[in-house]
PDB file of N, CA and C in Angstrom:
ATOM      1  N   UNK A   1     202.465 133.217 214.406  1.00  0.00           N
ATOM      2  CA  UNK A   1     202.670 134.574 213.935  1.00  0.00           C
ATOM      3  C   UNK A   1     201.987 134.723 212.563  1.00  0.00           C
ATOM      4  N   UNK A   2     200.975 135.538 212.503  1.00  0.00           N
ATOM      5  CA  UNK A   2     200.280 135.748 211.237  1.00  0.00           C
ATOM      6  C   UNK A   2     200.631 137.119 210.682  1.00  0.00           C
ATOM      7  N   UNK A   3     200.717 137.165 209.367  1.00  0.00           N
ATOM      8  CA  UNK A   3     201.001 138.428 208.692  1.00  0.00           C
ATOM      9  C   UNK A   3     199.818 138.783 207.821  1.00  0.00           C
ATOM     10  N   UNK A   4     199.657 140.064 207.590  1.00  0.00           N
ATOM     11  CA  UNK A   4     198.547 140.545 206.778  1.00  0.00           C
ATOM     12  C   UNK A   4     199.048 141.022 205.426  1.00  0.00           C
ATOM     13  N   UNK A   5     198.196 140.878 204.418  1.00  0.00           N
ATOM     14  CA  UNK A   5     198.486 141.331 203.059  1.00  0.00           C
ATOM     15  C   UNK A   5     198.592 142.855 203.063  1.00  0.00           C
ATOM     16  N   UNK A   6     199.561 143.409 202.342  1.00  0.00           N
ATOM     17  CA  UNK A   6     199.751 144.860 202.316  1.00  0.00           C
ATOM     18  C   UNK A   6     198.699 145.561 201.459  1.00  0.00           C
ATOM     19  N   UNK A   7     197.966 144.824 200.621  1.00  0.00           N
ATOM     20  CA  UNK A   7     196.948 145.425 199.756  1.00  0.00           C
ATOM     21  C   UNK A   7     195.567 145.343 200.392  1.00  0.00           C
ATOM     22  N   UNK A   8     195.109 144.129 200.688  1.00  0.00           N
ATOM     23  CA  UNK A   8     193.738 143.940 201.183  1.00  0.00           C
ATOM     24  C   UNK A   8     193.661 143.784 202.700  1.00  0.00           C
ATOM     25  N   UNK A   9     194.791 143.636 203.355  1.00  0.00           N
ATOM     26  CA  UNK A   9     194.906 143.504 204.807  1.00  0.00           C
ATOM     27  C   UNK A   9     194.275 142.231 205.365  1.00  0.00           C
ATOM     28  N   UNK A  10     194.027 141.236 204.505  1.00  0.00           N
ATOM     29  CA  UNK A  10     193.576 139.926 204.978  1.00  0.00           C
ATOM     30  C   UNK A  10     194.790 139.119 205.403  1.00  0.00           C
ATOM     31  N   UNK A  11     194.558 138.097 206.217  1.00  0.00           N
ATOM     32  CA  UNK A  11     195.654 137.245 206.660  1.00  0.00           C
ATOM     33  C   UNK A  11     196.186 136.431 205.486  1.00  0.00           C
ATOM     34  N   UNK A  12     197.510 136.313 205.385  1.00  0.00           N
ATOM     35  CA  UNK A  12     198.137 135.566 204.299  1.00  0.00           C
ATOM     36  C   UNK A  12     198.071 134.079 204.620  1.00  0.00           C
ATOM     37  N   UNK A  13     197.462 133.324 203.720  1.00  0.00           N
ATOM     38  CA  UNK A  13     197.339 131.870 203.857  1.00  0.00           C
ATOM     39  C   UNK A  13     198.006 131.214 202.673  1.00  0.00           C
ATOM     40  N   UNK A  14     198.700 130.139 202.771  1.00  0.00           N
ATOM     41  CA  UNK A  14     199.146 129.469 203.978  1.00  0.00           C
ATOM     42  C   UNK A  14     200.242 130.270 204.675  1.00  0.00           C
ATOM     43  N   UNK A  15     200.501 130.000 205.937  1.00  0.00           N
ATOM     44  CA  UNK A  15     201.495 130.765 206.702  1.00  0.00           C
ATOM     45  C   UNK A  15     202.900 130.730 206.090  1.00  0.00           C
ATOM     46  N   UNK A  16     203.222 129.650 205.361  1.00  0.00           N
ATOM     47  CA  UNK A  16     204.550 129.561 204.728  1.00  0.00           C
ATOM     48  C   UNK A  16     204.731 130.645 203.680  1.00  0.00           C
ATOM     49  N   UNK A  17     203.638 131.065 203.035  1.00  0.00           N
ATOM     50  CA  UNK A  17     203.699 132.109 202.001  1.00  0.00           C
ATOM     51  C   UNK A  17     204.132 133.440 202.607  1.00  0.00           C
ATOM     52  N   UNK A  18     203.763 133.690 203.838  1.00  0.00           N
ATOM     53  CA  UNK A  18     204.105 134.950 204.510  1.00  0.00           C
ATOM     54  C   UNK A  18     205.612 135.113 204.681  1.00  0.00           C
ATOM     55  N   UNK A  19     206.343 134.016 204.618  1.00  0.00           N
ATOM     56  CA  UNK A  19     207.795 134.085 204.763  1.00  0.00           C
ATOM     57  C   UNK A  19     208.463 134.723 203.546  1.00  0.00           C
ATOM     58  N   UNK A  20     207.869 134.594 202.346  1.00  0.00           N
ATOM     59  CA  UNK A  20     208.509 135.111 201.140  1.00  0.00           C
ATOM     60  C   UNK A  20     207.667 136.130 200.374  1.00  0.00           C
ATOM     61  N   UNK A  21     206.455 136.402 200.808  1.00  0.00           N
ATOM     62  CA  UNK A  21     205.601 137.334 200.086  1.00  0.00           C
ATOM     63  C   UNK A  21     204.823 138.215 201.047  1.00  0.00           C
ATOM     64  N   UNK A  22     204.575 139.442 200.629  1.00  0.00           N
ATOM     65  CA  UNK A  22     203.776 140.375 201.426  1.00  0.00           C
ATOM     66  C   UNK A  22     202.339 140.437 200.920  1.00  0.00           C
ATOM     67  N   UNK A  23     202.025 139.611 199.906  1.00  0.00           N
ATOM     68  CA  UNK A  23     200.697 139.614 199.301  1.00  0.00           C
ATOM     69  C   UNK A  23     200.012 138.268 199.499  1.00  0.00           C
ATOM     70  N   UNK A  24     198.693 138.290 199.661  1.00  0.00           N
ATOM     71  CA  UNK A  24     197.927 137.046 199.714  1.00  0.00           C
ATOM     72  C   UNK A  24     197.842 136.467 198.300  1.00  0.00           C
ATOM     73  N   UNK A  25     197.289 135.274 198.171  1.00  0.00           N
ATOM     74  CA  UNK A  25     197.222 134.616 196.864  1.00  0.00           C
ATOM     75  C   UNK A  25     196.434 135.436 195.844  1.00  0.00           C
ATOM     76  N   UNK A  26     195.289 135.988 196.242  1.00  0.00           N
ATOM     77  CA  UNK A  26     194.455 136.733 195.307  1.00  0.00           C
ATOM     78  C   UNK A  26     195.142 138.021 194.843  1.00  0.00           C
ATOM     79  N   UNK A  27     195.695 138.777 195.763  1.00  0.00           N
ATOM     80  CA  UNK A  27     196.373 140.030 195.389  1.00  0.00           C
ATOM     81  C   UNK A  27     197.649 139.745 194.598  1.00  0.00           C
ATOM     82  N   UNK A  28     198.342 138.663 194.935  1.00  0.00           N
ATOM     83  CA  UNK A  28     199.537 138.273 194.194  1.00  0.00           C
ATOM     84  C   UNK A  28     199.213 137.906 192.763  1.00  0.00           C
ATOM     85  N   UNK A  29     198.090 137.227 192.551  1.00  0.00           N
ATOM     86  CA  UNK A  29     197.671 136.851 191.199  1.00  0.00           C
ATOM     87  C   UNK A  29     197.330 138.089 190.372  1.00  0.00           C
ATOM     88  N   UNK A  30     196.650 139.045 190.961  1.00  0.00           N
ATOM     89  CA  UNK A  30     196.307 140.290 190.255  1.00  0.00           C
ATOM     90  C   UNK A  30     197.580 141.032 189.853  1.00  0.00           C
ATOM     91  N   UNK A  31     198.529 141.136 190.769  1.00  0.00           N
ATOM     92  CA  UNK A  31     199.789 141.823 190.471  1.00  0.00           C
ATOM     93  C   UNK A  31     200.558 141.095 189.370  1.00  0.00           C
ATOM     94  N   UNK A  32     200.569 139.767 189.395  1.00  0.00           N
ATOM     95  CA  UNK A  32     201.281 138.991 188.378  1.00  0.00           C
ATOM     96  C   UNK A  32     200.651 139.178 187.001  1.00  0.00           C
ATOM     97  N   UNK A  33     199.330 139.228 186.924  1.00  0.00           N
ATOM     98  CA  UNK A  33     198.665 139.423 185.631  1.00  0.00           C
ATOM     99  C   UNK A  33     198.994 140.784 185.039  1.00  0.00           C
ATOM    100  N   UNK A  34     199.044 141.804 185.869  1.00  0.00           N
ATOM    101  CA  UNK A  34     199.392 143.150 185.392  1.00  0.00           C
ATOM    102  C   UNK A  34     200.827 143.165 184.877  1.00  0.00           C
ATOM    103  N   UNK A  35     201.728 142.534 185.605  1.00  0.00           N
ATOM    104  CA  UNK A  35     203.133 142.505 185.205  1.00  0.00           C
ATOM    105  C   UNK A  35     203.340 141.718 183.916  1.00  0.00           C
ATOM    106  N   UNK A  36     202.630 140.600 183.747  1.00  0.00           N
ATOM    107  CA  UNK A  36     202.788 139.773 182.549  1.00  0.00           C
ATOM    108  C   UNK A  36     202.331 140.488 181.286  1.00  0.00           C
ATOM    109  N   UNK A  37     201.433 141.451 181.398  1.00  0.00           N
ATOM    110  CA  UNK A  37     200.958 142.183 180.227  1.00  0.00           C
ATOM    111  C   UNK A  37     202.073 142.988 179.573  1.00  0.00           C
ATOM    112  N   UNK A  38     203.133 143.305 180.316  1.00  0.00           N
ATOM    113  CA  UNK A  38     204.221 144.099 179.763  1.00  0.00           C
ATOM    114  C   UNK A  38     205.341 143.248 179.169  1.00  0.00           C
ATOM    115  N   UNK A  39     205.230 141.921 179.245  1.00  0.00           N
ATOM    116  CA  UNK A  39     206.266 141.042 178.716  1.00  0.00           C
ATOM    117  C   UNK A  39     206.081 140.815 177.229  1.00  0.00           C
ATOM    118  N   UNK A  40     207.169 140.495 176.559  1.00  0.00           N
ATOM    119  CA  UNK A  40     207.123 140.224 175.130  1.00  0.00           C
ATOM    120  C   UNK A  40     208.193 139.174 174.813  1.00  0.00           C
ATOM    121  N   UNK A  41     207.860 138.212 173.964  1.00  0.00           N
ATOM    122  CA  UNK A  41     208.818 137.205 173.512  1.00  0.00           C
ATOM    123  C   UNK A  41     208.890 137.307 171.999  1.00  0.00           C
ATOM    124  N   UNK A  42     210.105 137.498 171.452  1.00  0.00           N
ATOM    125  CA  UNK A  42     210.283 137.664 170.013  1.00  0.00           C
ATOM    126  C   UNK A  42     211.404 136.759 169.529  1.00  0.00           C
ATOM    127  N   UNK A  43     211.434 136.541 168.203  1.00  0.00           N
ATOM    128  CA  UNK A  43     212.559 135.857 167.583  1.00  0.00           C
ATOM    129  C   UNK A  43     213.533 136.926 167.126  1.00  0.00           C
ATOM    130  N   UNK A  44     214.783 136.782 167.504  1.00  0.00           N
ATOM    131  CA  UNK A  44     215.777 137.797 167.194  1.00  0.00           C
ATOM    132  C   UNK A  44     216.011 137.906 165.692  1.00  0.00           C
ATOM    133  N   UNK A  45     215.969 136.786 164.984  1.00  0.00           N
ATOM    134  CA  UNK A  45     216.101 136.773 163.531  1.00  0.00           C
ATOM    135  C   UNK A  45     215.332 135.575 163.009  1.00  0.00           C
ATOM    136  N   UNK A  46     215.246 135.416 161.705  1.00  0.00           N
ATOM    137  CA  UNK A  46     214.394 134.417 161.078  1.00  0.00           C
ATOM    138  C   UNK A  46     214.363 133.045 161.708  1.00  0.00           C
ATOM    139  N   UNK A  47     215.513 132.403 161.870  1.00  0.00           N
ATOM    140  CA  UNK A  47     215.548 131.056 162.431  1.00  0.00           C
ATOM    141  C   UNK A  47     216.215 131.037 163.801  1.00  0.00           C
ATOM    142  N   UNK A  48     216.240 132.169 164.437  1.00  0.00           N
ATOM    143  CA  UNK A  48     216.875 132.277 165.749  1.00  0.00           C
ATOM    144  C   UNK A  48     215.974 131.815 166.874  1.00  0.00           C
ATOM    145  N   UNK A  49     216.568 131.742 168.031  1.00  0.00           N
ATOM    146  CA  UNK A  49     215.812 131.338 169.207  1.00  0.00           C
ATOM    147  C   UNK A  49     214.944 132.473 169.718  1.00  0.00           C
ATOM    148  N   UNK A  50     214.050 132.151 170.615  1.00  0.00           N
ATOM    149  CA  UNK A  50     213.180 133.163 171.186  1.00  0.00           C
ATOM    150  C   UNK A  50     213.916 133.960 172.246  1.00  0.00           C
ATOM    151  N   UNK A  51     213.530 135.202 172.395  1.00  0.00           N
ATOM    152  CA  UNK A  51     214.208 136.112 173.297  1.00  0.00           C
ATOM    153  C   UNK A  51     213.168 136.830 174.145  1.00  0.00           C
ATOM    154  N   UNK A  52     213.378 136.883 175.441  1.00  0.00           N
ATOM    155  CA  UNK A  52     212.481 137.556 176.372  1.00  0.00           C
ATOM    156  C   UNK A  52     212.841 139.041 176.384  1.00  0.00           C
ATOM    157  N   UNK A  53     211.854 139.894 176.147  1.00  0.00           N
ATOM    158  CA  UNK A  53     212.101 141.332 176.082  1.00  0.00           C
ATOM    159  C   UNK A  53     211.250 142.027 177.138  1.00  0.00           C
ATOM    160  N   UNK A  54     211.897 142.829 177.961  1.00  0.00           N
ATOM    161  CA  UNK A  54     211.200 143.616 178.972  1.00  0.00           C
ATOM    162  C   UNK A  54     210.955 145.018 178.431  1.00  0.00           C
ATOM    163  N   UNK A  55     210.068 145.796 179.030  1.00  0.00           N
ATOM    164  CA  UNK A  55     209.789 147.146 178.525  1.00  0.00           C
ATOM    165  C   UNK A  55     211.039 148.042 178.445  1.00  0.00           C
ATOM    166  N   UNK A  56     211.972 147.880 179.378  1.00  0.00           N
ATOM    167  CA  UNK A  56     213.182 148.706 179.370  1.00  0.00           C
ATOM    168  C   UNK A  56     214.046 148.428 178.140  1.00  0.00           C
ATOM    169  N   UNK A  57     214.141 147.154 177.755  1.00  0.00           N
ATOM    170  CA  UNK A  57     214.984 146.756 176.632  1.00  0.00           C
ATOM    171  C   UNK A  57     214.257 146.831 175.297  1.00  0.00           C
ATOM    172  N   UNK A  58     212.948 146.957 175.320  1.00  0.00           N
ATOM    173  CA  UNK A  58     212.156 146.902 174.090  1.00  0.00           C
ATOM    174  C   UNK A  58     212.464 148.038 173.133  1.00  0.00           C
ATOM    175  N   UNK A  59     212.797 149.198 173.636  1.00  0.00           N
ATOM    176  CA  UNK A  59     213.052 150.353 172.780  1.00  0.00           C
ATOM    177  C   UNK A  59     214.183 150.075 171.795  1.00  0.00           C
ATOM    178  N   UNK A  60     215.211 149.396 172.244  1.00  0.00           N
ATOM    179  CA  UNK A  60     216.375 149.118 171.399  1.00  0.00           C
ATOM    180  C   UNK A  60     216.215 147.778 170.685  1.00  0.00           C
ATOM    181  N   UNK A  61     215.844 146.747 171.414  1.00  0.00           N
ATOM    182  CA  UNK A  61     215.814 145.387 170.887  1.00  0.00           C
ATOM    183  C   UNK A  61     214.806 145.216 169.766  1.00  0.00           C
ATOM    184  N   UNK A  62     213.597 145.695 169.930  1.00  0.00           N
ATOM    185  CA  UNK A  62     212.566 145.467 168.930  1.00  0.00           C
ATOM    186  C   UNK A  62     212.853 146.220 167.636  1.00  0.00           C
ATOM    187  N   UNK A  63     213.572 147.317 167.698  1.00  0.00           N
ATOM    188  CA  UNK A  63     213.957 148.026 166.489  1.00  0.00           C
ATOM    189  C   UNK A  63     214.918 147.202 165.649  1.00  0.00           C
ATOM    190  N   UNK A  64     215.773 146.428 166.313  1.00  0.00           N
ATOM    191  CA  UNK A  64     216.818 145.680 165.622  1.00  0.00           C
ATOM    192  C   UNK A  64     216.413 144.243 165.317  1.00  0.00           C
ATOM    193  N   UNK A  65     215.216 143.847 165.680  1.00  0.00           N
ATOM    194  CA  UNK A  65     214.779 142.472 165.479  1.00  0.00           C
ATOM    195  C   UNK A  65     214.454 142.204 164.018  1.00  0.00           C
ATOM    196  N   UNK A  66     215.034 141.128 163.495  1.00  0.00           N
ATOM    197  CA  UNK A  66     214.729 140.639 162.153  1.00  0.00           C
ATOM    198  C   UNK A  66     214.972 141.693 161.061  1.00  0.00           C
ATOM    199  N   UNK A  67     216.040 142.419 161.163  1.00  0.00           N
ATOM    200  CA  UNK A  67     216.388 143.422 160.165  1.00  0.00           C
ATOM    201  C   UNK A  67     217.646 142.984 159.419  1.00  0.00           C
ATOM    202  N   UNK A  68     217.704 143.288 158.124  1.00  0.00           N
ATOM    203  CA  UNK A  68     218.908 142.969 157.363  1.00  0.00           C
ATOM    204  C   UNK A  68     220.027 143.929 157.728  1.00  0.00           C
ATOM    205  N   UNK A  69     219.671 145.156 157.964  1.00  0.00           N
ATOM    206  CA  UNK A  69     220.636 146.151 158.423  1.00  0.00           C
ATOM    207  C   UNK A  69     220.104 146.764 159.709  1.00  0.00           C
ATOM    208  N   UNK A  70     220.978 147.007 160.650  1.00  0.00           N
ATOM    209  CA  UNK A  70     220.565 147.594 161.916  1.00  0.00           C
ATOM    210  C   UNK A  70     220.139 149.033 161.678  1.00  0.00           C
ATOM    211  N   UNK A  71     218.968 149.355 162.157  1.00  0.00           N
ATOM    212  CA  UNK A  71     218.465 150.733 162.032  1.00  0.00           C
ATOM    213  C   UNK A  71     219.112 151.621 163.068  1.00  0.00           C
ATOM    214  N   UNK A  72     219.346 152.846 162.726  1.00  0.00           N
ATOM    215  CA  UNK A  72     219.908 153.781 163.703  1.00  0.00           C
ATOM    216  C   UNK A  72     218.981 154.928 163.951  1.00  0.00           C
TER     217      UNK A  72
END
């Protein structure tokens, strides 16, 4: 049973990939690169750990990052 990529309509190789993805390797890589461009990793405060920030959370989180007083 072969499945085709929803973007380029080529057959998905290897067949095991078709079980968990609707994209071939090339189209999946393009989609992943576009998605990674929207990611951001910041330090919450001076000596704090790193924090993964998504575009949805960035509006609030990045305003409050590394501030002595929380901005409103």
